[in-house]
Amino acid sequence: MFKICIVFKISIRRDGGSPCRKRKKEESSAATGSFSGFVCGEIARTRLMHRHSTADNYATALRSFLAFHGKKDISFAEVDSRLVDAYGEWLRKKGICKDTLSCYMRSLRAVYNKAVEQGLTEQKEPFVNVFTGISRTRKRSIEKADINKLRAVQVKPGSFMQLVRDVFLFCFYACGMPFVDVAFLKKSQIKGGMLVYHRRKTDQLVQIKLEPCMQEIINRYRSDGSDYVFPFLTSQDEDTAYREYKRKFSYYNKTLKTLGKLAGVDKPLSSYVARHTWATLAFMSSVDMSVIAQALGHTDVKTTRIYVEDIGNGKQNSANKKLLNEVLRKRSSVQEVTSVQE
């Protein structure tokens, strides 16, 4: 048996200032009106905040934008709707999928809006015509029975396979905690029976009550020789640890696929499956959508709806059937009473 954990608190951390206040590159970009220079400054600042995935997205989007533009620099004056629309068309002709295109556009838009907020350029709404949404994704969740199959599958004690199985379950137990946050989780983030950490992607503060099933897994990997809760990382240096994480992340997903087959789970497992499964089962257990969104760290409930969209119609149909059965049953009772009175 298992239970869905929904005991958590989330808030936005508001530090006194940026860890990268003044950078020569940023000052230069402000003086010359260089959009690409400003993006480079944001990439550096974001890495200093340990938000490496976001920084990678910014860097990839900038490389693509520069490749389209054909120059080493793009000025703020050039960034308008005509240029961005042409860039979008260029991506489509290259066969770039809709969600990748959206990711590039969202990254560039986020940095552009920061420049507007800082008064480096006027708001010209250059991204108003391009797709920046999220397409409907294939269902990644598994069933309750599959979770129990993973719990029951026999794996060699002390093996990497056991670590992968335990961490996948831990991610599920901890309200769909992302693997990156689990990999970087430190012992100091466990306080008074609570799991307290900042999401690396959004910097949101998350507090989750440690359930016995979670504590059992933590105890299994307790070690005095490391500050990390789980034995994925060894370095305390942020950049080195992130490179180490990327290697382990790939191996983790590869091992998950093997684990799923071993356990008899039909759908291929990945790090995202634990997260989607928690959201799906929480939704099926009538947990409010806004609560699920907060637990997953989504800033927009629309993203959460994509997670559970595939089961929405089934749940709606069940609710309608239940309602109609109750209404028709009452109507039948009324007809019987009327018939007796006559």
Protein backbone atom coordinates (compact mmCIF):
# COMPACT_ATOMS: atom_id res chain seq x y z
CA MET A 1 0.00 0.00 0.00
CA PHE A 2 1.07 3.60 -0.50
CA LYS A 3 -0.47 6.99 0.04
CA ILE A 4 -0.26 10.25 -1.83
CA CYS A 5 1.60 12.94 0.08
CA ILE A 6 0.04 16.41 -0.16
CA VAL A 7 1.48 18.02 2.98
CA PHE A 8 3.69 20.84 1.73
CA LYS A 9 4.33 24.55 1.78
CA ILE A 10 5.70 26.61 -1.08
CA SER A 11 6.94 30.17 -1.19
CA ILE A 12 9.28 32.23 -3.35
CA ARG A 13 12.72 32.93 -1.90
CA ARG A 14 13.53 36.62 -2.02
CA ASP A 15 17.22 37.16 -1.49
CA GLY A 16 18.62 40.60 -0.87
CA GLY A 17 20.29 40.87 -4.24
CA SER A 18 21.65 39.11 -7.25
CA PRO A 19 24.91 37.19 -6.84
CA CYS A 20 26.04 38.97 -10.02
CA ARG A 21 25.28 42.67 -9.56
CA LYS A 22 27.77 44.34 -11.89
CA ARG A 23 29.35 42.59 -14.85
CA LYS A 24 31.46 44.34 -17.46
CA LYS A 25 29.72 42.37 -20.20
CA GLU A 26 26.30 43.56 -19.00
CA GLU A 27 27.46 47.16 -18.71
CA SER A 28 28.83 46.92 -22.24
CA SER A 29 25.58 45.45 -23.58
CA ALA A 30 23.61 48.24 -21.91
CA ALA A 31 25.86 50.91 -23.41
CA THR A 32 25.88 49.47 -26.94
CA GLY A 33 22.31 48.17 -26.99
CA SER A 34 23.39 44.58 -27.55
CA PHE A 35 20.63 42.03 -26.98
CA SER A 36 22.96 39.05 -27.40
CA GLY A 37 25.41 40.61 -24.94
CA PHE A 38 22.62 41.00 -22.41
CA VAL A 39 21.61 37.35 -22.89
CA CYS A 40 25.22 36.32 -22.17
CA GLY A 41 25.08 38.31 -18.95
CA GLU A 42 21.83 36.59 -17.95
CA ILE A 43 23.36 33.19 -18.67
CA ALA A 44 26.27 33.96 -16.35
CA ARG A 45 23.96 35.30 -13.64
CA THR A 46 21.63 32.31 -13.88
CA ARG A 47 24.54 29.88 -13.52
CA LEU A 48 25.67 31.70 -10.40
CA MET A 49 22.18 31.07 -9.04
CA HIS A 50 22.74 27.33 -9.74
CA ARG A 51 19.91 27.29 -12.28
CA HIS A 52 21.98 25.45 -14.85
CA SER A 53 19.10 24.00 -16.88
CA THR A 54 17.63 27.46 -17.39
CA ALA A 55 21.07 28.81 -18.32
CA ASP A 56 21.47 25.96 -20.81
CA ASN A 57 18.10 26.85 -22.35
CA TYR A 58 19.14 30.51 -22.69
CA ALA A 59 22.46 29.52 -24.28
CA THR A 60 20.87 27.08 -26.74
CA ALA A 61 18.21 29.61 -27.76
CA LEU A 62 20.82 32.34 -28.26
CA ARG A 63 23.02 30.08 -30.41
CA SER A 64 20.02 29.25 -32.58
CA PHE A 65 18.94 32.90 -32.85
CA LEU A 66 22.47 33.97 -33.85
CA ALA A 67 22.68 31.16 -36.43
CA PHE A 68 19.46 32.44 -37.99
CA HIS A 69 20.62 36.05 -37.86
CA GLY A 70 23.98 35.25 -39.44
CA LYS A 71 25.95 37.69 -37.27
CA LYS A 72 27.84 37.51 -33.98
CA ASP A 73 25.69 40.16 -32.36
CA ILE A 74 22.03 41.21 -32.32
CA SER A 75 21.03 44.66 -31.10
CA PHE A 76 17.90 45.48 -29.12
CA ALA A 77 16.85 47.75 -32.00
CA GLU A 78 16.72 44.74 -34.34
CA VAL A 79 14.54 42.61 -32.06
CA ASP A 80 11.00 43.24 -33.30
CA SER A 81 8.04 41.12 -34.36
CA ARG A 82 9.20 40.91 -37.99
CA LEU A 83 12.59 39.48 -36.99
CA VAL A 84 11.09 37.06 -34.46
CA ASP A 85 8.39 35.92 -36.91
CA ALA A 86 11.06 35.30 -39.54
CA TYR A 87 13.10 33.36 -36.98
CA GLY A 88 10.07 31.19 -36.20
CA GLU A 89 9.54 30.45 -39.89
CA TRP A 90 13.25 29.61 -40.24
CA LEU A 91 12.96 27.10 -37.39
CA ARG A 92 9.87 25.48 -38.93
CA LYS A 93 11.60 25.10 -42.30
CA LYS A 94 14.51 23.39 -40.53
CA GLY A 95 12.06 20.84 -39.15
CA ILE A 96 12.32 22.00 -35.52
CA CYS A 97 9.40 20.56 -33.56
CA LYS A 98 6.74 22.83 -32.10
CA ASP A 99 7.75 22.37 -28.45
CA THR A 100 11.44 23.03 -29.15
CA LEU A 101 10.49 26.17 -31.07
CA SER A 102 8.36 27.22 -28.12
CA CYS A 103 11.23 26.59 -25.69
CA TYR A 104 13.56 28.83 -27.74
CA MET A 105 10.97 31.58 -27.95
CA ARG A 106 10.11 31.42 -24.24
CA SER A 107 13.80 31.64 -23.31
CA LEU A 108 14.44 34.64 -25.55
CA ARG A 109 11.22 36.32 -24.42
CA ALA A 110 12.11 35.85 -20.74
CA VAL A 111 15.48 37.58 -21.21
CA TYR A 112 13.99 40.29 -23.41
CA ASN A 113 11.38 41.10 -20.76
CA LYS A 114 14.13 41.37 -18.15
CA ALA A 115 15.86 43.93 -20.35
CA VAL A 116 12.58 45.87 -20.62
CA GLU A 117 12.20 45.80 -16.83
CA GLN A 118 15.72 47.21 -16.49
CA GLY A 119 14.99 50.01 -18.94
CA LEU A 120 17.49 48.80 -21.55
CA THR A 121 14.90 48.74 -24.33
CA GLU A 122 11.27 49.64 -24.90
CA GLN A 123 8.58 46.95 -24.93
CA LYS A 124 7.82 46.26 -28.59
CA GLU A 125 6.05 42.91 -28.01
CA PRO A 126 8.29 41.08 -30.51
CA PHE A 127 7.05 37.62 -29.46
CA VAL A 128 3.33 38.38 -29.74
CA ASN A 129 2.77 36.32 -32.91
CA VAL A 130 4.84 33.20 -32.16
CA PHE A 131 3.90 30.00 -30.35
CA THR A 132 5.16 29.97 -26.76
CA GLY A 133 2.78 27.41 -25.31
CA ILE A 134 3.13 23.72 -24.52
CA SER A 135 1.70 21.02 -26.76
CA ARG A 136 -0.29 18.18 -25.35
CA THR A 137 2.17 15.48 -24.26
CA ARG A 138 1.73 11.75 -24.39
CA LYS A 139 0.60 10.27 -21.10
CA ARG A 140 3.66 9.47 -18.99
CA SER A 141 1.99 8.20 -15.84
CA ILE A 142 1.71 4.59 -14.74
CA GLU A 143 -0.95 2.81 -12.69
CA LYS A 144 -1.16 2.21 -8.93
CA ALA A 145 -0.47 -1.47 -9.59
CA ASP A 146 2.76 -0.53 -11.38
CA ILE A 147 4.00 1.40 -8.34
CA ASN A 148 3.46 -1.70 -6.24
CA LYS A 149 5.24 -3.83 -8.85
CA LEU A 150 8.27 -1.58 -8.52
CA ARG A 151 8.11 -1.82 -4.75
CA ALA A 152 7.99 -5.62 -4.92
CA VAL A 153 10.55 -6.30 -7.66
CA GLN A 154 13.64 -8.19 -6.47
CA VAL A 155 16.88 -6.29 -7.06
CA LYS A 156 20.38 -6.97 -5.80
CA PRO A 157 20.97 -5.22 -2.45
CA GLY A 158 23.52 -2.42 -2.73
CA SER A 159 23.31 -2.31 -6.54
CA PHE A 160 22.77 0.77 -8.68
CA MET A 161 19.51 -0.84 -9.78
CA GLN A 162 18.30 -0.77 -6.17
CA LEU A 163 19.30 2.88 -5.86
CA VAL A 164 17.40 3.74 -9.03
CA ARG A 165 14.30 1.88 -7.87
CA ASP A 166 14.39 3.52 -4.43
CA VAL A 167 14.94 7.02 -5.79
CA PHE A 168 12.14 6.65 -8.35
CA LEU A 169 9.78 5.69 -5.52
CA PHE A 170 11.13 8.52 -3.36
CA CYS A 171 10.38 11.01 -6.16
CA PHE A 172 6.82 9.68 -6.27
CA TYR A 173 6.37 9.70 -2.49
CA ALA A 174 7.70 13.28 -2.29
CA CYS A 175 4.87 14.82 -4.34
CA GLY A 176 6.55 14.16 -7.70
CA MET A 177 9.89 15.66 -6.66
CA PRO A 178 12.12 16.24 -9.74
CA PHE A 179 15.17 13.98 -10.02
CA VAL A 180 17.56 16.94 -10.19
CA ASP A 181 16.37 18.12 -6.76
CA VAL A 182 16.72 14.62 -5.33
CA ALA A 183 20.24 14.22 -6.73
CA PHE A 184 21.36 17.52 -5.17
CA LEU A 185 19.45 16.95 -1.91
CA LYS A 186 21.66 17.42 1.17
CA LYS A 187 21.27 16.16 4.71
CA SER A 188 21.03 19.74 5.96
CA GLN A 189 17.75 20.05 4.03
CA ILE A 190 16.04 17.51 6.28
CA LYS A 191 14.82 19.36 9.36
CA GLY A 192 12.38 18.33 12.07
CA GLY A 193 10.70 15.62 10.06
CA MET A 194 10.40 17.88 7.02
CA LEU A 195 12.10 17.88 3.66
CA VAL A 196 13.04 21.53 3.00
CA TYR A 197 14.64 22.56 -0.29
CA HIS A 198 14.59 25.16 -3.04
CA ARG A 199 13.62 23.88 -6.48
CA ARG A 200 16.60 24.33 -8.73
CA LYS A 201 14.42 25.19 -11.72
CA THR A 202 12.22 27.87 -10.15
CA ASP A 203 13.96 28.67 -6.82
CA GLN A 204 10.68 28.00 -4.99
CA LEU A 205 10.92 26.91 -1.38
CA VAL A 206 9.25 23.52 -0.90
CA GLN A 207 8.54 21.85 2.44
CA ILE A 208 7.24 18.27 2.47
CA LYS A 209 6.44 16.20 5.52
CA LEU A 210 8.61 13.08 5.64
CA GLU A 211 6.38 10.04 5.51
CA PRO A 212 7.65 6.68 6.89
CA CYS A 213 8.10 5.30 3.36
CA MET A 214 10.36 8.26 2.53
CA GLN A 215 12.34 8.01 5.76
CA GLU A 216 12.92 4.29 5.17
CA ILE A 217 14.60 5.02 1.84
CA ILE A 218 16.69 7.85 3.29
CA ASN A 219 17.91 5.59 6.10
CA ARG A 220 19.02 2.97 3.59
CA TYR A 221 21.56 5.37 2.09
CA ARG A 222 22.70 7.11 5.25
CA SER A 223 26.45 7.74 5.10
CA ASP A 224 28.83 9.81 7.22
CA GLY A 225 31.16 10.39 4.28
CA SER A 226 28.92 12.66 2.20
CA ASP A 227 26.72 15.73 2.62
CA TYR A 228 24.33 14.39 -0.02
CA VAL A 229 21.34 12.25 0.94
CA PHE A 230 21.72 9.92 -2.06
CA PRO A 231 25.01 8.68 -3.58
CA PHE A 232 24.77 10.29 -7.02
CA LEU A 233 27.17 13.21 -6.55
CA THR A 234 30.53 13.52 -4.82
CA SER A 235 31.79 17.05 -5.54
CA GLN A 236 30.88 20.10 -3.48
CA ASP A 237 31.85 22.41 -6.35
CA GLU A 238 28.65 23.47 -8.10
CA ASP A 239 29.93 23.33 -11.68
CA THR A 240 31.67 19.99 -11.18
CA ALA A 241 28.62 18.56 -9.42
CA TYR A 242 26.35 19.67 -12.27
CA ARG A 243 28.53 17.95 -14.87
CA GLU A 244 28.48 14.86 -12.67
CA TYR A 245 24.69 15.11 -12.38
CA LYS A 246 24.21 15.20 -16.16
CA ARG A 247 26.18 11.96 -16.53
CA LYS A 248 24.26 10.27 -13.72
CA PHE A 249 20.94 11.54 -15.07
CA SER A 250 21.52 9.74 -18.36
CA TYR A 251 22.54 6.52 -16.60
CA TYR A 252 19.57 6.82 -14.22
CA ASN A 253 17.07 6.99 -17.09
CA LYS A 254 18.75 4.12 -18.92
CA THR A 255 18.59 1.95 -15.80
CA LEU A 256 14.95 2.90 -15.20
CA LYS A 257 13.96 1.40 -18.54
CA THR A 258 15.64 -1.88 -17.57
CA LEU A 259 13.99 -1.76 -14.15
CA GLY A 260 10.54 -1.26 -15.68
CA LYS A 261 10.91 -4.34 -17.87
CA LEU A 262 12.19 -6.35 -14.91
CA ALA A 263 9.16 -5.32 -12.83
CA GLY A 264 6.68 -6.03 -15.62
CA VAL A 265 5.64 -2.40 -16.14
CA ASP A 266 4.31 -1.99 -19.67
CA LYS A 267 5.14 1.69 -20.16
CA PRO A 268 8.81 2.73 -20.45
CA LEU A 269 10.02 4.44 -17.28
CA SER A 270 11.88 7.75 -17.14
CA SER A 271 12.59 10.32 -14.46
CA TYR A 272 9.44 12.22 -15.50
CA VAL A 273 7.13 9.26 -14.96
CA ALA A 274 7.24 9.48 -11.15
CA ARG A 275 6.24 13.15 -11.34
CA HIS A 276 3.42 12.60 -13.83
CA THR A 277 2.17 9.58 -11.91
CA TRP A 278 1.90 11.53 -8.66
CA ALA A 279 -0.05 14.27 -10.45
CA THR A 280 -2.37 11.78 -12.14
CA LEU A 281 -3.12 9.73 -9.03
CA ALA A 282 -3.60 12.88 -6.96
CA PHE A 283 -6.10 14.14 -9.54
CA MET A 284 -7.91 10.81 -9.56
CA SER A 285 -8.07 11.02 -5.76
CA SER A 286 -9.93 14.36 -6.15
CA VAL A 287 -7.03 16.53 -4.99
CA ASP A 288 -7.73 20.09 -6.16
CA MET A 289 -5.92 21.08 -9.36
CA SER A 290 -4.43 24.20 -7.74
CA VAL A 291 -2.96 22.05 -4.96
CA ILE A 292 -1.41 19.69 -7.51
CA ALA A 293 0.02 22.68 -9.40
CA GLN A 294 1.62 24.03 -6.22
CA ALA A 295 3.04 20.64 -5.29
CA LEU A 296 4.63 20.31 -8.73
CA GLY A 297 5.91 23.88 -8.61
CA HIS A 298 3.95 24.99 -11.67
CA THR A 299 3.39 28.73 -11.96
CA ASP A 300 0.49 28.15 -14.37
CA VAL A 301 -2.29 25.61 -13.81
CA LYS A 302 -2.44 25.18 -17.60
CA THR A 303 0.81 23.21 -17.40
CA THR A 304 -0.69 20.96 -14.73
CA ARG A 305 -3.78 20.35 -16.83
CA ILE A 306 -1.56 18.95 -19.59
CA TYR A 307 -0.26 16.39 -17.08
CA VAL A 308 -3.75 15.06 -16.35
CA GLU A 309 -5.57 15.91 -19.58
CA ASP A 310 -5.75 12.30 -20.76
CA ILE A 311 -7.70 11.20 -17.69
CA GLY A 312 -9.90 14.29 -17.52
CA ASN A 313 -12.58 12.96 -19.88
CA GLY A 314 -12.72 9.59 -18.13
CA LYS A 315 -13.20 11.24 -14.76
CA GLN A 316 -15.79 13.58 -16.24
CA ASN A 317 -17.71 10.66 -17.75
CA SER A 318 -17.67 8.78 -14.44
CA ALA A 319 -18.98 11.85 -12.63
CA ASN A 320 -21.74 12.29 -15.22
CA LYS A 321 -22.75 8.63 -14.93
CA LYS A 322 -22.89 8.89 -11.14
CA LEU A 323 -24.99 12.06 -11.34
CA LEU A 324 -27.44 10.60 -13.85
CA ASN A 325 -27.82 7.40 -11.83
CA GLU A 326 -28.74 9.43 -8.75
CA VAL A 327 -31.18 11.65 -10.67
CA LEU A 328 -32.86 8.77 -12.48
CA ARG A 329 -33.05 6.72 -9.27
CA LYS A 330 -34.87 9.61 -7.54
CA ARG A 331 -37.19 10.01 -10.51
CA SER A 332 -38.00 6.30 -10.40
CA SER A 333 -38.77 6.56 -6.68
CA VAL A 334 -41.12 9.50 -7.30
CA GLN A 335 -42.95 7.57 -10.02
CA GLU A 336 -43.40 4.59 -7.68
CA VAL A 337 -44.86 6.81 -4.93
CA THR A 338 -47.22 8.48 -7.42
CA SER A 339 -48.35 5.11 -8.73
CA VAL A 340 -49.13 3.86 -5.20
CA GLN A 341 -51.14 7.02 -4.38
CA GLU A 342 -53.21 6.61 -7.52
